[in-house]
Full PDB file with SEQRES, HELIX, SHEET, SSBOND, CRYST1, ORIGX, SCALE, CONECT and MASTER records, all heavy atoms in Angstrom:
SEQRES   1 A   40  ARG PHE PRO ASN LEU MET GLY HIS SER ARG PRO ASN TYR          
SEQRES   2 A   40  ASN SER ALA VAL SER THR PHE CYS TRP ALA VAL ALA ASN          
SEQRES   3 A   40  ASP GLN PRO TYR THR VAL ASN ASP SER SER VAL GLU LEU          
SEQRES   4 A   40  GLU                                                          
HELIX    1 AA1 ALA A   16  ALA A   25  1                                  10    
CRYST1    1.000    1.000    1.000  90.00  90.00  90.00 P 1           1          
ORIGX1      1.000000  0.000000  0.000000        0.00000                         
ORIGX2      0.000000  1.000000  0.000000        0.00000                         
ORIGX3      0.000000  0.000000  1.000000        0.00000                         
SCALE1      1.000000  0.000000  0.000000        0.00000                         
SCALE2      0.000000  1.000000  0.000000        0.00000                         
SCALE3      0.000000  0.000000  1.000000        0.00000                         
ATOM      1  N   ARG A   1      14.696  12.930  -8.164  1.00  0.00           N  
ATOM      2  CA  ARG A   1      13.408  12.605  -8.555  1.00  0.00           C  
ATOM      3  C   ARG A   1      13.033  11.252  -8.025  1.00  0.00           C  
ATOM      4  O   ARG A   1      13.222  10.212  -8.592  1.00  0.00           O  
ATOM      5  CB  ARG A   1      13.332  12.618 -10.137  1.00  0.00           C  
ATOM      6  CG  ARG A   1      13.330  13.951 -10.803  1.00  0.00           C  
ATOM      7  CD  ARG A   1      13.349  13.895 -12.241  1.00  0.00           C  
ATOM      8  NE  ARG A   1      13.055  15.200 -12.853  1.00  0.00           N  
ATOM      9  CZ  ARG A   1      13.018  15.411 -14.193  1.00  0.00           C  
ATOM     10  NH1 ARG A   1      13.441  14.460 -15.021  1.00  0.00           N  
ATOM     11  NH2 ARG A   1      12.735  16.582 -14.660  1.00  0.00           N  
ATOM     12  N   PHE A   2      12.418  11.284  -6.884  1.00  0.00           N  
ATOM     13  CA  PHE A   2      12.084   9.958  -6.248  1.00  0.00           C  
ATOM     14  C   PHE A   2      10.906   9.266  -6.788  1.00  0.00           C  
ATOM     15  O   PHE A   2       9.938   9.857  -7.335  1.00  0.00           O  
ATOM     16  CB  PHE A   2      11.743  10.226  -4.741  1.00  0.00           C  
ATOM     17  CG  PHE A   2      12.893  10.715  -3.953  1.00  0.00           C  
ATOM     18  CD1 PHE A   2      12.719  11.843  -3.059  1.00  0.00           C  
ATOM     19  CD2 PHE A   2      14.256  10.082  -3.994  1.00  0.00           C  
ATOM     20  CE1 PHE A   2      13.847  12.342  -2.411  1.00  0.00           C  
ATOM     21  CE2 PHE A   2      15.197  10.575  -3.213  1.00  0.00           C  
ATOM     22  CZ  PHE A   2      15.015  11.677  -2.366  1.00  0.00           C  
ATOM     23  N   PRO A   3      10.982   7.895  -6.850  1.00  0.00           N  
ATOM     24  CA  PRO A   3       9.771   7.155  -7.234  1.00  0.00           C  
ATOM     25  C   PRO A   3       8.832   7.028  -6.117  1.00  0.00           C  
ATOM     26  O   PRO A   3       8.963   7.798  -5.071  1.00  0.00           O  
ATOM     27  CB  PRO A   3      10.425   5.750  -7.655  1.00  0.00           C  
ATOM     28  CG  PRO A   3      11.599   5.656  -6.704  1.00  0.00           C  
ATOM     29  CD  PRO A   3      12.098   7.121  -6.529  1.00  0.00           C  
ATOM     30  N   ASN A   4       7.967   6.063  -6.064  1.00  0.00           N  
ATOM     31  CA  ASN A   4       7.084   5.761  -4.939  1.00  0.00           C  
ATOM     32  C   ASN A   4       7.975   5.400  -3.740  1.00  0.00           C  
ATOM     33  O   ASN A   4       8.892   4.647  -3.903  1.00  0.00           O  
ATOM     34  CB  ASN A   4       6.218   4.608  -5.190  1.00  0.00           C  
ATOM     35  CG  ASN A   4       5.114   4.881  -6.263  1.00  0.00           C  
ATOM     36  OD1 ASN A   4       4.491   5.920  -6.191  1.00  0.00           O  
ATOM     37  ND2 ASN A   4       5.137   4.095  -7.278  1.00  0.00           N  
ATOM     38  N   LEU A   5       7.712   6.078  -2.616  1.00  0.00           N  
ATOM     39  CA  LEU A   5       8.399   5.792  -1.388  1.00  0.00           C  
ATOM     40  C   LEU A   5       7.742   4.736  -0.489  1.00  0.00           C  
ATOM     41  O   LEU A   5       6.501   4.833  -0.421  1.00  0.00           O  
ATOM     42  CB  LEU A   5       8.678   7.081  -0.690  1.00  0.00           C  
ATOM     43  CG  LEU A   5       9.477   8.240  -1.388  1.00  0.00           C  
ATOM     44  CD1 LEU A   5       9.550   9.411  -0.527  1.00  0.00           C  
ATOM     45  CD2 LEU A   5      10.720   7.729  -2.008  1.00  0.00           C  
ATOM     46  N   MET A   6       8.541   4.059   0.253  1.00  0.00           N  
ATOM     47  CA  MET A   6       8.031   2.931   1.062  1.00  0.00           C  
ATOM     48  C   MET A   6       8.539   3.216   2.409  1.00  0.00           C  
ATOM     49  O   MET A   6       9.692   2.865   2.752  1.00  0.00           O  
ATOM     50  CB  MET A   6       8.508   1.637   0.467  1.00  0.00           C  
ATOM     51  CG  MET A   6       8.244   0.410   1.138  1.00  0.00           C  
ATOM     52  SD  MET A   6       8.966  -1.006   0.275  1.00  0.00           S  
ATOM     53  CE  MET A   6       9.389  -2.007   1.596  1.00  0.00           C  
ATOM     54  N   GLY A   7       7.634   3.626   3.347  1.00  0.00           N  
ATOM     55  CA  GLY A   7       7.964   3.910   4.785  1.00  0.00           C  
ATOM     56  C   GLY A   7       6.735   3.895   5.590  1.00  0.00           C  
ATOM     57  O   GLY A   7       5.528   3.918   4.989  1.00  0.00           O  
ATOM     58  N   HIS A   8       6.801   4.158   6.883  1.00  0.00           N  
ATOM     59  CA  HIS A   8       5.655   4.138   7.778  1.00  0.00           C  
ATOM     60  C   HIS A   8       4.872   5.467   7.450  1.00  0.00           C  
ATOM     61  O   HIS A   8       5.401   6.545   7.751  1.00  0.00           O  
ATOM     62  CB  HIS A   8       5.905   4.053   9.170  1.00  0.00           C  
ATOM     63  CG  HIS A   8       4.704   3.752  10.063  1.00  0.00           C  
ATOM     64  ND1 HIS A   8       4.417   2.561  10.296  1.00  0.00           N  
ATOM     65  CD2 HIS A   8       3.943   4.688  10.551  1.00  0.00           C  
ATOM     66  CE1 HIS A   8       3.275   2.727  11.101  1.00  0.00           C  
ATOM     67  NE2 HIS A   8       2.977   3.956  11.263  1.00  0.00           N  
ATOM     68  N   SER A   9       3.745   5.365   6.921  1.00  0.00           N  
ATOM     69  CA  SER A   9       2.882   6.472   6.601  1.00  0.00           C  
ATOM     70  C   SER A   9       1.448   6.223   6.898  1.00  0.00           C  
ATOM     71  O   SER A   9       1.120   5.146   7.078  1.00  0.00           O  
ATOM     72  CB  SER A   9       3.120   7.109   5.228  1.00  0.00           C  
ATOM     73  OG  SER A   9       2.757   6.087   4.326  1.00  0.00           O  
ATOM     74  N   ARG A  10       0.561   7.187   6.782  1.00  0.00           N  
ATOM     75  CA  ARG A  10      -0.729   7.003   7.066  1.00  0.00           C  
ATOM     76  C   ARG A  10      -1.404   6.053   6.003  1.00  0.00           C  
ATOM     77  O   ARG A  10      -1.222   6.327   4.783  1.00  0.00           O  
ATOM     78  CB  ARG A  10      -1.493   8.422   7.056  1.00  0.00           C  
ATOM     79  CG  ARG A  10      -2.969   8.292   7.251  1.00  0.00           C  
ATOM     80  CD  ARG A  10      -3.546   9.684   7.641  1.00  0.00           C  
ATOM     81  NE  ARG A  10      -2.908  10.813   7.041  1.00  0.00           N  
ATOM     82  CZ  ARG A  10      -3.635  11.632   6.210  1.00  0.00           C  
ATOM     83  NH1 ARG A  10      -4.851  11.363   5.927  1.00  0.00           N  
ATOM     84  NH2 ARG A  10      -3.036  12.681   5.657  1.00  0.00           N  
ATOM     85  N   PRO A  11      -2.087   5.002   6.414  1.00  0.00           N  
ATOM     86  CA  PRO A  11      -2.722   4.178   5.438  1.00  0.00           C  
ATOM     87  C   PRO A  11      -3.997   4.810   4.848  1.00  0.00           C  
ATOM     88  O   PRO A  11      -4.441   5.840   5.281  1.00  0.00           O  
ATOM     89  CB  PRO A  11      -3.196   2.916   6.237  1.00  0.00           C  
ATOM     90  CG  PRO A  11      -3.314   3.508   7.683  1.00  0.00           C  
ATOM     91  CD  PRO A  11      -2.318   4.542   7.829  1.00  0.00           C  
ATOM     92  N   ASN A  12      -4.327   4.266   3.653  1.00  0.00           N  
ATOM     93  CA  ASN A  12      -5.557   4.829   2.869  1.00  0.00           C  
ATOM     94  C   ASN A  12      -5.330   6.255   2.555  1.00  0.00           C  
ATOM     95  O   ASN A  12      -6.280   7.122   2.535  1.00  0.00           O  
ATOM     96  CB  ASN A  12      -6.870   4.618   3.796  1.00  0.00           C  
ATOM     97  CG  ASN A  12      -7.112   3.200   4.000  1.00  0.00           C  
ATOM     98  OD1 ASN A  12      -7.206   2.394   3.040  1.00  0.00           O  
ATOM     99  ND2 ASN A  12      -7.310   2.873   5.245  1.00  0.00           N  
ATOM    100  N   TYR A  13      -4.031   6.615   2.269  1.00  0.00           N  
ATOM    101  CA  TYR A  13      -3.767   8.054   1.901  1.00  0.00           C  
ATOM    102  C   TYR A  13      -3.135   8.008   0.524  1.00  0.00           C  
ATOM    103  O   TYR A  13      -3.725   8.098  -0.545  1.00  0.00           O  
ATOM    104  CB  TYR A  13      -2.878   8.684   2.965  1.00  0.00           C  
ATOM    105  CG  TYR A  13      -2.588  10.103   2.669  1.00  0.00           C  
ATOM    106  CD1 TYR A  13      -3.614  10.994   2.546  1.00  0.00           C  
ATOM    107  CD2 TYR A  13      -1.287  10.637   2.637  1.00  0.00           C  
ATOM    108  CE1 TYR A  13      -3.288  12.366   2.282  1.00  0.00           C  
ATOM    109  CE2 TYR A  13      -0.943  11.955   2.461  1.00  0.00           C  
ATOM    110  CZ  TYR A  13      -1.998  12.855   2.282  1.00  0.00           C  
ATOM    111  OH  TYR A  13      -1.709  14.142   1.946  1.00  0.00           O  
ATOM    112  N   ASN A  14      -1.722   7.942   0.466  1.00  0.00           N  
ATOM    113  CA  ASN A  14      -1.126   8.009  -0.900  1.00  0.00           C  
ATOM    114  C   ASN A  14      -0.083   6.904  -0.997  1.00  0.00           C  
ATOM    115  O   ASN A  14       0.736   6.946  -1.994  1.00  0.00           O  
ATOM    116  CB  ASN A  14      -0.458   9.312  -1.094  1.00  0.00           C  
ATOM    117  CG  ASN A  14       0.670   9.634  -0.249  1.00  0.00           C  
ATOM    118  OD1 ASN A  14       0.860   8.931   0.825  1.00  0.00           O  
ATOM    119  ND2 ASN A  14       1.517  10.652  -0.461  1.00  0.00           N  
ATOM    120  N   SER A  15      -0.152   5.862  -0.239  1.00  0.00           N  
ATOM    121  CA  SER A  15       0.833   4.704  -0.378  1.00  0.00           C  
ATOM    122  C   SER A  15       0.120   3.407  -0.341  1.00  0.00           C  
ATOM    123  O   SER A  15      -0.456   2.955   0.674  1.00  0.00           O  
ATOM    124  CB  SER A  15       1.792   4.749   0.746  1.00  0.00           C  
ATOM    125  OG  SER A  15       2.632   3.573   0.728  1.00  0.00           O  
ATOM    126  N   ALA A  16       0.060   2.658  -1.401  1.00  0.00           N  
ATOM    127  CA  ALA A  16      -0.572   1.396  -1.487  1.00  0.00           C  
ATOM    128  C   ALA A  16       0.128   0.442  -0.584  1.00  0.00           C  
ATOM    129  O   ALA A  16      -0.547  -0.417   0.151  1.00  0.00           O  
ATOM    130  CB  ALA A  16      -0.539   0.767  -2.950  1.00  0.00           C  
ATOM    131  N   VAL A  17       1.432   0.509  -0.448  1.00  0.00           N  
ATOM    132  CA  VAL A  17       2.185  -0.438   0.458  1.00  0.00           C  
ATOM    133  C   VAL A  17       1.771  -0.201   1.855  1.00  0.00           C  
ATOM    134  O   VAL A  17       1.558  -1.178   2.605  1.00  0.00           O  
ATOM    135  CB  VAL A  17       3.689  -0.262   0.235  1.00  0.00           C  
ATOM    136  CG1 VAL A  17       4.402  -1.223   1.142  1.00  0.00           C  
ATOM    137  CG2 VAL A  17       4.115  -0.600  -1.235  1.00  0.00           C  
ATOM    138  N   SER A  18       1.833   1.030   2.323  1.00  0.00           N  
ATOM    139  CA  SER A  18       1.376   1.294   3.697  1.00  0.00           C  
ATOM    140  C   SER A  18      -0.028   0.755   3.959  1.00  0.00           C  
ATOM    141  O   SER A  18      -0.379   0.209   5.046  1.00  0.00           O  
ATOM    142  CB  SER A  18       1.506   2.793   3.938  1.00  0.00           C  
ATOM    143  OG  SER A  18       2.775   3.265   4.021  1.00  0.00           O  
ATOM    144  N   THR A  19      -0.930   0.951   3.022  1.00  0.00           N  
ATOM    145  CA  THR A  19      -2.346   0.557   3.114  1.00  0.00           C  
ATOM    146  C   THR A  19      -2.374  -0.997   3.306  1.00  0.00           C  
ATOM    147  O   THR A  19      -3.150  -1.528   4.204  1.00  0.00           O  
ATOM    148  CB  THR A  19      -3.192   0.977   1.994  1.00  0.00           C  
ATOM    149  OG1 THR A  19      -3.113   2.454   1.873  1.00  0.00           O  
ATOM    150  CG2 THR A  19      -4.649   0.528   2.135  1.00  0.00           C  
ATOM    151  N   PHE A  20      -1.704  -1.657   2.433  1.00  0.00           N  
ATOM    152  CA  PHE A  20      -1.760  -3.157   2.583  1.00  0.00           C  
ATOM    153  C   PHE A  20      -1.041  -3.610   3.861  1.00  0.00           C  
ATOM    154  O   PHE A  20      -1.564  -4.567   4.431  1.00  0.00           O  
ATOM    155  CB  PHE A  20      -0.951  -3.785   1.315  1.00  0.00           C  
ATOM    156  CG  PHE A  20      -1.767  -3.608   0.012  1.00  0.00           C  
ATOM    157  CD1 PHE A  20      -1.130  -3.292  -1.144  1.00  0.00           C  
ATOM    158  CD2 PHE A  20      -3.149  -3.791  -0.075  1.00  0.00           C  
ATOM    159  CE1 PHE A  20      -1.815  -3.208  -2.324  1.00  0.00           C  
ATOM    160  CE2 PHE A  20      -3.880  -3.648  -1.162  1.00  0.00           C  
ATOM    161  CZ  PHE A  20      -3.163  -3.386  -2.327  1.00  0.00           C  
ATOM    162  N   CYS A  21       0.028  -3.051   4.201  1.00  0.00           N  
ATOM    163  CA  CYS A  21       0.720  -3.477   5.506  1.00  0.00           C  
ATOM    164  C   CYS A  21      -0.224  -3.253   6.674  1.00  0.00           C  
ATOM    165  O   CYS A  21      -0.336  -4.213   7.480  1.00  0.00           O  
ATOM    166  CB  CYS A  21       1.933  -2.546   5.716  1.00  0.00           C  
ATOM    167  SG  CYS A  21       3.302  -3.035   4.732  1.00  0.00           S  
ATOM    168  N   TRP A  22      -0.888  -2.122   6.671  1.00  0.00           N  
ATOM    169  CA  TRP A  22      -1.880  -1.862   7.814  1.00  0.00           C  
ATOM    170  C   TRP A  22      -2.996  -2.759   7.785  1.00  0.00           C  
ATOM    171  O   TRP A  22      -3.433  -3.317   8.804  1.00  0.00           O  
ATOM    172  CB  TRP A  22      -2.290  -0.377   7.648  1.00  0.00           C  
ATOM    173  CG  TRP A  22      -3.478  -0.203   8.567  1.00  0.00           C  
ATOM    174  CD1 TRP A  22      -3.495   0.192   9.873  1.00  0.00           C  
ATOM    175  CD2 TRP A  22      -4.866  -0.061   8.214  1.00  0.00           C  
ATOM    176  NE1 TRP A  22      -4.771   0.420  10.354  1.00  0.00           N  
ATOM    177  CE2 TRP A  22      -5.641   0.181   9.365  1.00  0.00           C  
ATOM    178  CE3 TRP A  22      -5.537  -0.292   7.013  1.00  0.00           C  
ATOM    179  CZ2 TRP A  22      -6.975   0.334   9.318  1.00  0.00           C  
ATOM    180  CZ3 TRP A  22      -6.974  -0.245   6.934  1.00  0.00           C  
ATOM    181  CH2 TRP A  22      -7.606   0.052   8.131  1.00  0.00           C  
ATOM    182  N   ALA A  23      -3.520  -3.064   6.546  1.00  0.00           N  
ATOM    183  CA  ALA A  23      -4.706  -3.896   6.420  1.00  0.00           C  
ATOM    184  C   ALA A  23      -4.419  -5.317   6.834  1.00  0.00           C  
ATOM    185  O   ALA A  23      -5.192  -5.902   7.638  1.00  0.00           O  
ATOM    186  CB  ALA A  23      -5.257  -3.852   5.059  1.00  0.00           C  
ATOM    187  N   VAL A  24      -3.354  -5.819   6.380  1.00  0.00           N  
ATOM    188  CA  VAL A  24      -2.939  -7.259   6.743  1.00  0.00           C  
ATOM    189  C   VAL A  24      -2.715  -7.442   8.159  1.00  0.00           C  
ATOM    190  O   VAL A  24      -3.133  -8.299   8.872  1.00  0.00           O  
ATOM    191  CB  VAL A  24      -1.817  -7.742   5.832  1.00  0.00           C  
ATOM    192  CG1 VAL A  24      -1.321  -9.136   6.309  1.00  0.00           C  
ATOM    193  CG2 VAL A  24      -2.197  -7.836   4.367  1.00  0.00           C  
ATOM    194  N   ALA A  25      -1.798  -6.452   8.703  1.00  0.00           N  
ATOM    195  CA  ALA A  25      -1.432  -6.472  10.126  1.00  0.00           C  
ATOM    196  C   ALA A  25      -2.630  -6.369  11.120  1.00  0.00           C  
ATOM    197  O   ALA A  25      -2.600  -6.841  12.196  1.00  0.00           O  
ATOM    198  CB  ALA A  25      -0.472  -5.330  10.452  1.00  0.00           C  
ATOM    199  N   ASN A  26      -3.651  -5.660  10.641  1.00  0.00           N  
ATOM    200  CA  ASN A  26      -4.835  -5.347  11.542  1.00  0.00           C  
ATOM    201  C   ASN A  26      -6.135  -6.100  11.080  1.00  0.00           C  
ATOM    202  O   ASN A  26      -7.150  -5.692  11.565  1.00  0.00           O  
ATOM    203  CB  ASN A  26      -5.100  -3.816  11.596  1.00  0.00           C  
ATOM    204  CG  ASN A  26      -3.938  -3.080  12.367  1.00  0.00           C  
ATOM    205  OD1 ASN A  26      -3.949  -3.027  13.531  1.00  0.00           O  
ATOM    206  ND2 ASN A  26      -2.976  -2.641  11.524  1.00  0.00           N  
ATOM    207  N   ASP A  27      -6.000  -7.126  10.312  1.00  0.00           N  
ATOM    208  CA  ASP A  27      -7.082  -7.884   9.875  1.00  0.00           C  
ATOM    209  C   ASP A  27      -8.210  -7.059   9.228  1.00  0.00           C  
ATOM    210  O   ASP A  27      -9.454  -7.332   9.456  1.00  0.00           O  
ATOM    211  CB  ASP A  27      -7.660  -8.674  11.094  1.00  0.00           C  
ATOM    212  CG  ASP A  27      -6.637  -9.690  11.515  1.00  0.00           C  
ATOM    213  OD1 ASP A  27      -6.034 -10.429  10.774  1.00  0.00           O  
ATOM    214  OD2 ASP A  27      -6.542  -9.817  12.852  1.00  0.00           O  
ATOM    215  N   GLN A  28      -7.869  -6.028   8.424  1.00  0.00           N  
ATOM    216  CA  GLN A  28      -8.788  -5.182   7.767  1.00  0.00           C  
ATOM    217  C   GLN A  28      -9.014  -5.631   6.308  1.00  0.00           C  
ATOM    218  O   GLN A  28      -7.999  -6.149   5.712  1.00  0.00           O  
ATOM    219  CB  GLN A  28      -8.361  -3.705   7.895  1.00  0.00           C  
ATOM    220  CG  GLN A  28      -8.196  -3.155   9.208  1.00  0.00           C  
ATOM    221  CD  GLN A  28      -9.562  -3.139   9.967  1.00  0.00           C  
ATOM    222  OE1 GLN A  28     -10.503  -2.606   9.396  1.00  0.00           O  
ATOM    223  NE2 GLN A  28      -9.619  -3.670  11.116  1.00  0.00           N  
ATOM    224  N   PRO A  29     -10.183  -5.412   5.725  1.00  0.00           N  
ATOM    225  CA  PRO A  29     -10.409  -5.804   4.343  1.00  0.00           C  
ATOM    226  C   PRO A  29      -9.580  -4.975   3.363  1.00  0.00           C  
ATOM    227  O   PRO A  29      -9.331  -3.736   3.676  1.00  0.00           O  
ATOM    228  CB  PRO A  29     -11.845  -5.570   4.128  1.00  0.00           C  
ATOM    229  CG  PRO A  29     -12.301  -4.576   5.170  1.00  0.00           C  
ATOM    230  CD  PRO A  29     -11.356  -4.794   6.347  1.00  0.00           C  
ATOM    231  N   TYR A  30      -9.155  -5.555   2.277  1.00  0.00           N  
ATOM    232  CA  TYR A  30      -8.403  -4.728   1.288  1.00  0.00           C  
ATOM    233  C   TYR A  30      -8.708  -5.275  -0.073  1.00  0.00           C  
ATOM    234  O   TYR A  30      -9.163  -6.550  -0.191  1.00  0.00           O  
ATOM    235  CB  TYR A  30      -6.962  -4.721   1.532  1.00  0.00           C  
ATOM    236  CG  TYR A  30      -6.292  -6.160   1.540  1.00  0.00           C  
ATOM    237  CD1 TYR A  30      -5.828  -6.647   0.408  1.00  0.00           C  
ATOM    238  CD2 TYR A  30      -6.089  -6.840   2.816  1.00  0.00           C  
ATOM    239  CE1 TYR A  30      -5.129  -8.016   0.468  1.00  0.00           C  
ATOM    240  CE2 TYR A  30      -5.610  -8.086   2.773  1.00  0.00           C  
ATOM    241  CZ  TYR A  30      -5.090  -8.558   1.616  1.00  0.00           C  
ATOM    242  OH  TYR A  30      -4.529  -9.869   1.607  1.00  0.00           O  
ATOM    243  N   THR A  31      -8.530  -4.560  -1.132  1.00  0.00           N  
ATOM    244  CA  THR A  31      -8.827  -5.028  -2.469  1.00  0.00           C  
ATOM    245  C   THR A  31      -7.641  -4.842  -3.464  1.00  0.00           C  
ATOM    246  O   THR A  31      -6.969  -3.752  -3.356  1.00  0.00           O  
ATOM    247  CB  THR A  31     -10.001  -4.268  -3.091  1.00  0.00           C  
ATOM    248  OG1 THR A  31     -11.149  -4.468  -2.127  1.00  0.00           O  
ATOM    249  CG2 THR A  31     -10.314  -4.690  -4.505  1.00  0.00           C  
ATOM    250  N   VAL A  32      -7.333  -5.826  -4.256  1.00  0.00           N  
ATOM    251  CA  VAL A  32      -6.334  -5.708  -5.199  1.00  0.00           C  
ATOM    252  C   VAL A  32      -6.972  -5.831  -6.587  1.00  0.00           C  
ATOM    253  O   VAL A  32      -7.375  -6.845  -7.022  1.00  0.00           O  
ATOM    254  CB  VAL A  32      -5.143  -6.823  -5.070  1.00  0.00           C  
ATOM    255  CG1 VAL A  32      -4.090  -6.681  -6.066  1.00  0.00           C  
ATOM    256  CG2 VAL A  32      -4.575  -6.754  -3.629  1.00  0.00           C  
ATOM    257  N   ASN A  33      -7.024  -4.661  -7.237  1.00  0.00           N  
ATOM    258  CA  ASN A  33      -7.816  -4.727  -8.446  1.00  0.00           C  
ATOM    259  C   ASN A  33      -7.022  -5.402  -9.635  1.00  0.00           C  
ATOM    260  O   ASN A  33      -7.583  -6.085 -10.502  1.00  0.00           O  
ATOM    261  CB  ASN A  33      -8.098  -3.194  -8.917  1.00  0.00           C  
ATOM    262  CG  ASN A  33      -9.120  -2.583  -8.034  1.00  0.00           C  
ATOM    263  OD1 ASN A  33     -10.048  -3.232  -7.503  1.00  0.00           O  
ATOM    264  ND2 ASN A  33      -8.950  -1.304  -7.631  1.00  0.00           N  
ATOM    265  N   ASP A  34      -5.732  -5.287  -9.600  1.00  0.00           N  
ATOM    266  CA  ASP A  34      -4.905  -5.938 -10.654  1.00  0.00           C  
ATOM    267  C   ASP A  34      -3.627  -6.251  -9.978  1.00  0.00           C  
ATOM    268  O   ASP A  34      -2.725  -5.440  -9.829  1.00  0.00           O  
ATOM    269  CB  ASP A  34      -4.645  -4.912 -11.878  1.00  0.00           C  
ATOM    270  CG  ASP A  34      -3.955  -5.608 -12.967  1.00  0.00           C  
ATOM    271  OD1 ASP A  34      -3.463  -6.635 -12.872  1.00  0.00           O  
ATOM    272  OD2 ASP A  34      -3.886  -4.995 -14.026  1.00  0.00           O  
ATOM    273  N   SER A  35      -3.427  -7.557  -9.736  1.00  0.00           N  
ATOM    274  CA  SER A  35      -2.306  -7.951  -9.048  1.00  0.00           C  
ATOM    275  C   SER A  35      -0.936  -7.909  -9.908  1.00  0.00           C  
ATOM    276  O   SER A  35       0.079  -7.999  -9.343  1.00  0.00           O  
ATOM    277  CB  SER A  35      -2.430  -9.486  -8.595  1.00  0.00           C  
ATOM    278  OG  SER A  35      -2.612 -10.333  -9.706  1.00  0.00           O  
ATOM    279  N   SER A  36      -1.178  -7.720 -11.244  1.00  0.00           N  
ATOM    280  CA  SER A  36       0.034  -7.554 -12.044  1.00  0.00           C  
ATOM    281  C   SER A  36       0.588  -6.137 -12.190  1.00  0.00           C  
ATOM    282  O   SER A  36       1.697  -5.997 -12.773  1.00  0.00           O  
ATOM    283  CB  SER A  36      -0.384  -8.057 -13.536  1.00  0.00           C  
ATOM    284  OG  SER A  36      -1.212  -7.125 -14.156  1.00  0.00           O  
ATOM    285  N   VAL A  37      -0.025  -5.247 -11.584  1.00  0.00           N  
ATOM    286  CA  VAL A  37       0.496  -3.838 -11.601  1.00  0.00           C  
ATOM    287  C   VAL A  37       1.751  -3.810 -10.890  1.00  0.00           C  
ATOM    288  O   VAL A  37       1.943  -4.263  -9.791  1.00  0.00           O  
ATOM    289  CB  VAL A  37      -0.539  -2.893 -10.887  1.00  0.00           C  
ATOM    290  CG1 VAL A  37       0.109  -1.450 -10.723  1.00  0.00           C  
ATOM    291  CG2 VAL A  37      -1.836  -2.792 -11.786  1.00  0.00           C  
ATOM    292  N   GLU A  38       2.777  -3.152 -11.592  1.00  0.00           N  
ATOM    293  CA  GLU A  38       4.097  -3.117 -11.121  1.00  0.00           C  
ATOM    294  C   GLU A  38       4.469  -1.706 -10.498  1.00  0.00           C  
ATOM    295  O   GLU A  38       4.012  -0.682 -11.003  1.00  0.00           O  
ATOM    296  CB  GLU A  38       5.260  -3.375 -12.097  1.00  0.00           C  
ATOM    297  CG  GLU A  38       6.600  -3.412 -11.629  1.00  0.00           C  
ATOM    298  CD  GLU A  38       7.624  -3.861 -12.669  1.00  0.00           C  
ATOM    299  OE1 GLU A  38       7.995  -3.034 -13.591  1.00  0.00           O  
ATOM    300  OE2 GLU A  38       8.087  -4.988 -12.661  1.00  0.00           O  
ATOM    301  N   LEU A  39       5.076  -1.702  -9.264  1.00  0.00           N  
ATOM    302  CA  LEU A  39       5.397  -0.424  -8.608  1.00  0.00           C  
ATOM    303  C   LEU A  39       6.876  -0.393  -8.545  1.00  0.00           C  
ATOM    304  O   LEU A  39       7.613  -1.368  -8.449  1.00  0.00           O  
ATOM    305  CB  LEU A  39       4.854  -0.476  -7.109  1.00  0.00           C  
ATOM    306  CG  LEU A  39       3.351  -0.449  -7.007  1.00  0.00           C  
ATOM    307  CD1 LEU A  39       3.024  -0.416  -5.469  1.00  0.00           C  
ATOM    308  CD2 LEU A  39       2.602   0.636  -7.769  1.00  0.00           C  
ATOM    309  N   GLU A  40       7.369   0.928  -8.611  1.00  0.00           N  
ATOM    310  CA  GLU A  40       8.825   1.045  -8.458  1.00  0.00           C  
ATOM    311  C   GLU A  40       8.912   1.755  -7.016  1.00  0.00           C  
ATOM    312  O   GLU A  40       8.375   2.852  -6.816  1.00  0.00           O  
ATOM    313  CB  GLU A  40       9.374   2.038  -9.431  1.00  0.00           C  
ATOM    314  CG  GLU A  40       9.424   1.466 -10.831  1.00  0.00           C  
ATOM    315  CD  GLU A  40       9.999   2.412 -11.796  1.00  0.00           C  
ATOM    316  OE1 GLU A  40      10.220   3.554 -11.571  1.00  0.00           O  
ATOM    317  OE2 GLU A  40      10.205   1.959 -12.953  1.00  0.00           O  
TER     318      GLU A  40                                                      
MASTER        0    0    0    1    0    0    0    6  317    1    0    4          
END                                                                             
């Protein structure tokens, strides 16, 4: 029973980490609605 997985995947799909990595690396805008949200 896997938790959230963290690997190279399509951004803006089903991984917040991939989306943030892509956005920061490519100077794209991104939004963090609640910085206290914890991910496993």
